[in-house]
C-alpha atoms as a PDB file:
ATOM      1  CA  MET A   1     -64.038 -25.432  45.372  1.00  0.00           C
ATOM      2  CA  LYS A   2     -66.497 -22.584  44.829  1.00  0.00           C
ATOM      3  CA  PHE A   3     -69.368 -24.114  46.838  1.00  0.00           C
ATOM      4  CA  ASP A   4     -69.999 -26.278  49.859  1.00  0.00           C
ATOM      5  CA  PRO A   5     -70.294 -29.928  48.771  1.00  0.00           C
ATOM      6  CA  THR A   6     -72.304 -30.813  51.857  1.00  0.00           C
ATOM      7  CA  GLU A   7     -75.041 -28.405  50.740  1.00  0.00           C
ATOM      8  CA  LEU A   8     -75.693 -30.038  47.346  1.00  0.00           C
ATOM      9  CA  SER A   9     -79.136 -31.616  46.973  1.00  0.00           C
ATOM     10  CA  ALA A  10     -78.452 -33.171  43.548  1.00  0.00           C
ATOM     11  CA  ILE A  11     -75.997 -33.195  40.665  1.00  0.00           C
ATOM     12  CA  ILE A  12     -77.224 -32.796  37.104  1.00  0.00           C
ATOM     13  CA  LEU A  13     -74.940 -33.989  34.327  1.00  0.00           C
ATOM     14  CA  ASP A  14     -74.937 -33.122  30.665  1.00  0.00           C
ATOM     15  CA  ARG A  15     -74.362 -36.252  28.578  1.00  0.00           C
ATOM     16  CA  ASP A  16     -72.276 -35.713  25.423  1.00  0.00           C
ATOM     17  CA  GLY A  17     -68.809 -34.439  26.294  1.00  0.00           C
ATOM     18  CA  VAL A  18     -69.294 -35.084  30.023  1.00  0.00           C
ATOM     19  CA  ILE A  19     -70.212 -38.778  30.235  1.00  0.00           C
ATOM     20  CA  ASN A  20     -69.509 -39.974  26.712  1.00  0.00           C
ATOM     21  CA  VAL A  21     -67.295 -39.061  23.780  1.00  0.00           C
ATOM     22  CA  GLU A  22     -68.825 -36.547  21.410  1.00  0.00           C
ATOM     23  CA  THR A  23     -68.666 -37.849  17.859  1.00  0.00           C
ATOM     24  CA  GLY A  24     -68.825 -34.406  16.282  1.00  0.00           C
ATOM     25  CA  TYR A  25     -72.194 -35.143  14.701  1.00  0.00           C
ATOM     26  CA  TYR A  26     -74.417 -36.798  17.299  1.00  0.00           C
ATOM     27  CA  VAL A  27     -74.285 -40.256  18.830  1.00  0.00           C
ATOM     28  CA  LYS A  28     -76.758 -41.949  16.475  1.00  0.00           C
ATOM     29  CA  SER A  29     -76.396 -45.592  17.462  1.00  0.00           C
ATOM     30  CA  ILE A  30     -75.200 -47.932  20.173  1.00  0.00           C
ATOM     31  CA  ALA A  31     -72.131 -48.619  18.012  1.00  0.00           C
ATOM     32  CA  GLU A  32     -71.122 -44.939  18.316  1.00  0.00           C
ATOM     33  CA  TRP A  33     -71.508 -44.841  22.121  1.00  0.00           C
ATOM     34  CA  ARG A  34     -68.237 -44.582  24.092  1.00  0.00           C
ATOM     35  CA  PHE A  35     -67.821 -43.556  27.718  1.00  0.00           C
ATOM     36  CA  LEU A  36     -65.191 -40.912  28.336  1.00  0.00           C
ATOM     37  CA  PRO A  37     -62.251 -42.306  30.340  1.00  0.00           C
ATOM     38  CA  GLY A  38     -63.034 -42.160  34.055  1.00  0.00           C
ATOM     39  CA  SER A  39     -66.614 -40.928  33.667  1.00  0.00           C
ATOM     40  CA  VAL A  40     -68.343 -44.129  34.813  1.00  0.00           C
ATOM     41  CA  GLU A  41     -66.101 -44.452  37.849  1.00  0.00           C
ATOM     42  CA  ALA A  42     -66.688 -40.774  38.682  1.00  0.00           C
ATOM     43  CA  ILE A  43     -70.449 -41.235  38.501  1.00  0.00           C
ATOM     44  CA  ALA A  44     -70.205 -44.314  40.727  1.00  0.00           C
ATOM     45  CA  ARG A  45     -68.209 -42.308  43.275  1.00  0.00           C
ATOM     46  CA  LEU A  46     -70.878 -39.580  43.292  1.00  0.00           C
ATOM     47  CA  SER A  47     -73.601 -42.195  43.809  1.00  0.00           C
ATOM     48  CA  LYS A  48     -71.705 -43.843  46.643  1.00  0.00           C
ATOM     49  CA  ALA A  49     -71.242 -40.417  48.260  1.00  0.00           C
ATOM     50  CA  GLY A  50     -75.038 -40.116  48.337  1.00  0.00           C
ATOM     51  CA  TYR A  51     -75.696 -37.551  45.623  1.00  0.00           C
ATOM     52  CA  PRO A  52     -78.878 -38.043  43.554  1.00  0.00           C
ATOM     53  CA  LEU A  53     -77.756 -37.893  39.909  1.00  0.00           C
ATOM     54  CA  PHE A  54     -79.754 -36.724  36.906  1.00  0.00           C
ATOM     55  CA  ILE A  55     -78.918 -36.272  33.239  1.00  0.00           C
ATOM     56  CA  ALA A  56     -80.164 -33.304  31.192  1.00  0.00           C
ATOM     57  CA  THR A  57     -79.230 -33.567  27.529  1.00  0.00           C
ATOM     58  CA  ASN A  58     -80.117 -31.848  24.251  1.00  0.00           C
ATOM     59  CA  GLN A  59     -80.821 -34.425  21.550  1.00  0.00           C
ATOM     60  CA  ALA A  60     -81.636 -32.435  18.402  1.00  0.00           C
ATOM     61  CA  GLY A  61     -80.668 -35.442  16.280  1.00  0.00           C
ATOM     62  CA  ILE A  62     -84.220 -36.696  16.843  1.00  0.00           C
ATOM     63  CA  ALA A  63     -85.788 -33.574  15.301  1.00  0.00           C
ATOM     64  CA  LYS A  64     -83.257 -33.772  12.462  1.00  0.00           C
ATOM     65  CA  GLY A  65     -84.275 -37.371  11.722  1.00  0.00           C
ATOM     66  CA  LEU A  66     -80.809 -38.791  12.438  1.00  0.00           C
ATOM     67  CA  TYR A  67     -82.168 -41.257  15.022  1.00  0.00           C
ATOM     68  CA  ASP A  68     -85.436 -41.829  16.810  1.00  0.00           C
ATOM     69  CA  GLU A  69     -86.492 -42.026  20.450  1.00  0.00           C
ATOM     70  CA  LYS A  70     -86.236 -45.834  20.448  1.00  0.00           C
ATOM     71  CA  ILE A  71     -82.555 -45.629  19.499  1.00  0.00           C
ATOM     72  CA  LEU A  72     -82.000 -42.875  22.070  1.00  0.00           C
ATOM     73  CA  ASN A  73     -83.669 -45.026  24.752  1.00  0.00           C
ATOM     74  CA  ASP A  74     -81.484 -47.992  23.726  1.00  0.00           C
ATOM     75  CA  ILE A  75     -78.378 -45.792  24.097  1.00  0.00           C
ATOM     76  CA  HIS A  76     -79.562 -44.610  27.504  1.00  0.00           C
ATOM     77  CA  ARG A  77     -80.225 -48.182  28.650  1.00  0.00           C
ATOM     78  CA  LEU A  78     -76.661 -49.086  27.620  1.00  0.00           C
ATOM     79  CA  MET A  79     -75.316 -46.029  29.444  1.00  0.00           C
ATOM     80  CA  ILE A  80     -77.275 -46.791  32.624  1.00  0.00           C
ATOM     81  CA  LYS A  81     -76.241 -50.439  32.546  1.00  0.00           C
ATOM     82  CA  GLY A  82     -72.562 -49.458  32.289  1.00  0.00           C
ATOM     83  CA  ILE A  83     -72.953 -47.025  35.170  1.00  0.00           C
ATOM     84  CA  GLU A  84     -74.812 -49.528  37.357  1.00  0.00           C
ATOM     85  CA  GLU A  85     -72.173 -52.205  36.713  1.00  0.00           C
ATOM     86  CA  LYS A  86     -69.660 -49.901  38.427  1.00  0.00           C
ATOM     87  CA  GLY A  87     -72.007 -49.156  41.338  1.00  0.00           C
ATOM     88  CA  GLY A  88     -73.474 -45.886  40.090  1.00  0.00           C
ATOM     89  CA  LYS A  89     -77.121 -44.889  39.866  1.00  0.00           C
ATOM     90  CA  ILE A  90     -78.851 -42.354  37.654  1.00  0.00           C
ATOM     91  CA  ALA A  91     -82.172 -41.199  39.121  1.00  0.00           C
ATOM     92  CA  ALA A  92     -83.552 -40.033  35.748  1.00  0.00           C
ATOM     93  CA  VAL A  93     -82.581 -38.972  32.244  1.00  0.00           C
ATOM     94  CA  HIS A  94     -84.321 -35.909  30.795  1.00  0.00           C
ATOM     95  CA  TYR A  95     -83.766 -34.940  27.181  1.00  0.00           C
ATOM     96  CA  CYS A  96     -84.891 -32.359  24.675  1.00  0.00           C
ATOM     97  CA  PRO A  97     -85.638 -33.804  21.211  1.00  0.00           C
ATOM     98  CA  HIS A  98     -85.964 -30.380  19.545  1.00  0.00           C
ATOM     99  CA  GLN A  99     -83.794 -28.053  17.440  1.00  0.00           C
ATOM    100  CA  ASP A 100     -83.080 -24.387  18.190  1.00  0.00           C
ATOM    101  CA  GLN A 101     -85.671 -23.186  15.668  1.00  0.00           C
ATOM    102  CA  ASP A 102     -88.409 -25.160  17.455  1.00  0.00           C
ATOM    103  CA  ASP A 103     -88.183 -22.528  20.229  1.00  0.00           C
ATOM    104  CA  CYS A 104     -89.145 -25.002  22.950  1.00  0.00           C
ATOM    105  CA  ASP A 105     -88.620 -24.429  26.655  1.00  0.00           C
ATOM    106  CA  CYS A 106     -86.571 -27.588  27.174  1.00  0.00           C
ATOM    107  CA  ARG A 107     -83.606 -27.036  24.861  1.00  0.00           C
ATOM    108  CA  LYS A 108     -80.603 -25.725  26.742  1.00  0.00           C
ATOM    109  CA  PRO A 109     -79.678 -22.856  27.178  1.00  0.00           C
ATOM    110  CA  LYS A 110     -83.314 -22.561  28.271  1.00  0.00           C
ATOM    111  CA  SER A 111     -84.018 -24.082  31.648  1.00  0.00           C
ATOM    112  CA  GLY A 112     -86.919 -26.441  30.882  1.00  0.00           C
ATOM    113  CA  LEU A 113     -84.971 -29.667  31.450  1.00  0.00           C
ATOM    114  CA  LEU A 114     -83.781 -28.424  34.822  1.00  0.00           C
ATOM    115  CA  THR A 115     -87.244 -27.311  35.889  1.00  0.00           C
ATOM    116  CA  GLN A 116     -88.605 -30.723  34.810  1.00  0.00           C
ATOM    117  CA  ILE A 117     -86.057 -32.372  37.092  1.00  0.00           C
ATOM    118  CA  ALA A 118     -86.975 -29.995  39.928  1.00  0.00           C
ATOM    119  CA  GLN A 119     -90.715 -30.562  39.583  1.00  0.00           C
ATOM    120  CA  GLN A 120     -90.750 -34.291  38.892  1.00  0.00           C
ATOM    121  CA  HIS A 121     -88.076 -35.282  41.411  1.00  0.00           C
ATOM    122  CA  HIS A 122     -88.435 -32.578  44.087  1.00  0.00           C
ATOM    123  CA  VAL A 123     -84.940 -31.157  43.508  1.00  0.00           C
ATOM    124  CA  ASP A 124     -84.127 -27.751  44.961  1.00  0.00           C
ATOM    125  CA  LEU A 125     -82.300 -26.164  42.027  1.00  0.00           C
ATOM    126  CA  SER A 126     -80.719 -23.535  44.270  1.00  0.00           C
ATOM    127  CA  ARG A 127     -78.902 -26.385  46.026  1.00  0.00           C
ATOM    128  CA  ALA A 128     -78.178 -28.420  42.882  1.00  0.00           C
ATOM    129  CA  LEU A 129     -75.142 -28.378  40.627  1.00  0.00           C
ATOM    130  CA  MET A 130     -74.958 -28.751  36.833  1.00  0.00           C
ATOM    131  CA  VAL A 131     -71.861 -30.264  35.217  1.00  0.00           C
ATOM    132  CA  GLY A 132     -71.611 -29.374  31.549  1.00  0.00           C
ATOM    133  CA  ASP A 133     -69.134 -28.989  28.744  1.00  0.00           C
ATOM    134  CA  SER A 134     -70.813 -26.150  26.846  1.00  0.00           C
ATOM    135  CA  LEU A 135     -71.964 -22.590  27.273  1.00  0.00           C
ATOM    136  CA  ARG A 136     -75.571 -23.805  26.864  1.00  0.00           C
ATOM    137  CA  ASP A 137     -75.264 -26.040  29.930  1.00  0.00           C
ATOM    138  CA  LEU A 138     -73.889 -23.241  32.054  1.00  0.00           C
ATOM    139  CA  GLN A 139     -76.483 -20.727  30.854  1.00  0.00           C
ATOM    140  CA  ALA A 140     -79.341 -23.115  31.698  1.00  0.00           C
ATOM    141  CA  ALA A 141     -77.933 -23.653  35.184  1.00  0.00           C
ATOM    142  CA  VAL A 142     -77.260 -19.999  35.953  1.00  0.00           C
ATOM    143  CA  SER A 143     -80.719 -18.939  34.700  1.00  0.00           C
ATOM    144  CA  VAL A 144     -82.403 -20.951  37.491  1.00  0.00           C
ATOM    145  CA  GLY A 145     -79.857 -20.308  40.229  1.00  0.00           C
ATOM    146  CA  THR A 146     -78.159 -23.691  39.940  1.00  0.00           C
ATOM    147  CA  LYS A 147     -74.432 -23.889  40.567  1.00  0.00           C
ATOM    148  CA  ALA A 148     -72.386 -24.776  37.478  1.00  0.00           C
ATOM    149  CA  VAL A 149     -69.134 -26.538  36.654  1.00  0.00           C
ATOM    150  CA  LEU A 150     -67.457 -26.568  33.240  1.00  0.00           C
ATOM    151  CA  VAL A 151     -65.607 -29.707  32.159  1.00  0.00           C
ATOM    152  CA  GLY A 152     -63.750 -30.505  28.965  1.00  0.00           C
ATOM    153  CA  SER A 153     -61.510 -28.577  26.632  1.00  0.00           C
ATOM    154  CA  LYS A 154     -63.935 -26.169  24.920  1.00  0.00           C
ATOM    155  CA  GLN A 155     -62.642 -22.623  25.074  1.00  0.00           C
ATOM    156  CA  ILE A 156     -65.396 -20.529  26.649  1.00  0.00           C
ATOM    157  CA  ASN A 157     -64.851 -17.000  27.871  1.00  0.00           C
ATOM    158  CA  LEU A 158     -66.836 -17.236  31.085  1.00  0.00           C
ATOM    159  CA  GLU A 159     -66.231 -13.577  31.988  1.00  0.00           C
ATOM    160  CA  GLN A 160     -67.755 -12.427  28.703  1.00  0.00           C
ATOM    161  CA  HIS A 161     -70.929 -14.449  29.263  1.00  0.00           C
ATOM    162  CA  PHE A 162     -71.342 -14.349  33.034  1.00  0.00           C
ATOM    163  CA  GLY A 163     -69.487 -11.267  34.257  1.00  0.00           C
ATOM    164  CA  ASP A 164     -68.874 -11.423  38.001  1.00  0.00           C
ATOM    165  CA  LEU A 165     -70.499 -14.877  38.204  1.00  0.00           C
ATOM    166  CA  ALA A 166     -67.652 -16.334  36.122  1.00  0.00           C
ATOM    167  CA  ASN A 167     -65.432 -16.742  39.167  1.00  0.00           C
ATOM    168  CA  GLN A 168     -68.100 -19.011  40.685  1.00  0.00           C
ATOM    169  CA  ILE A 169     -67.915 -21.493  37.779  1.00  0.00           C
ATOM    170  CA  PRO A 170     -64.925 -23.798  38.239  1.00  0.00           C
ATOM    171  CA  ARG A 171     -63.280 -25.497  35.247  1.00  0.00           C
ATOM    172  CA  TYR A 172     -62.020 -29.072  35.161  1.00  0.00           C
ATOM    173  CA  LYS A 173     -60.358 -31.196  32.520  1.00  0.00           C
ATOM    174  CA  ASN A 174     -63.068 -33.834  32.861  1.00  0.00           C
ATOM    175  CA  LEU A 175     -65.795 -35.227  35.097  1.00  0.00           C
ATOM    176  CA  ALA A 176     -63.311 -37.415  36.970  1.00  0.00           C
ATOM    177  CA  GLY A 177     -61.215 -34.389  37.937  1.00  0.00           C
ATOM    178  CA  PHE A 178     -64.258 -32.520  39.201  1.00  0.00           C
ATOM    179  CA  VAL A 179     -65.472 -35.520  41.226  1.00  0.00           C
ATOM    180  CA  GLU A 180     -62.065 -36.068  42.776  1.00  0.00           C
ATOM    181  CA  ASP A 181     -61.934 -32.423  43.871  1.00  0.00           C
ATOM    182  CA  LEU A 182     -65.539 -32.444  45.124  1.00  0.00           C
ATOM    183  CA  LEU A 183     -65.170 -35.625  47.144  1.00  0.00           C
ATOM    184  CA  ASP A 184     -61.819 -34.548  48.573  1.00  0.00           C
ATOM    185  CA  GLU A 185     -63.514 -31.325  49.697  1.00  0.00           C
ATOM    186  CA  TYR A 186     -66.495 -33.315  51.001  1.00  0.00           C
ATOM    187  CA  SER A 187     -64.250 -35.558  53.095  1.00  0.00           C
ATOM    188  CA  LYS A 188     -62.586 -32.446  54.581  1.00  0.00           C
ATOM    189  CA  GLU A 189     -66.015 -30.996  55.427  1.00  0.00           C
ATOM    190  CA  THR A 190     -67.139 -34.163  57.200  1.00  0.00           C
ATOM    191  CA  GLU A 191     -63.970 -34.766  59.241  1.00  0.00           C
END
C-alpha cells in the first residue's frame, strides 16, 4: 500500500468502470445498469470500516442529449439502493453533465467535482483518496493533492503522465481487490 489507510478522511469513487460496467457508450437507462462483480460488497466493506464514501462522475451523455438528469437520478437511486441493501452508504453523488468543449470546471480531469465534495461535505482532499479507472480520474485527484488508485484493465502509462508520482498510484484489477488490500492493511495498522 502506498499510503496509510488510517489517515484517510474519505474515499471518492468514479462510477463507470469502478462501480458499474461501462457499456462503451454511456449508461443511458436503468436497463443498462449493471454492477461490476464485487463492487457493491467492496463499497459495503468500506462503509463498515468507517470511511465516508462519495462518487464523482462525468456524465457527458446529458449534454449530448442521450439521457436527462431525471434518468441519471433514477440510475443513481437504483445504485444507492443496491449498495444500501448490502450495508453500504454513499454520502453524496456529484456529477458533471458537460462535454469537454463546454470547458467547465467540474469535468474531470479538472478538479471541480472534488472541490465540490471538499466544500460541501468538509472533506480534506489531502487526506482523501480517489479510486478511478481512467487517466482523467487520476489527473483530477493529483491536481488537488488527493491520493489516487487506478482500477480496471485500461492501459495507462502512469510514468508518462505523472513522472515520479507514478509510483504513488497503485493499480488493482478492480475495486474489490483494492478494498481487500486496503482493509487488510488497515487491520494490520490497528492491531
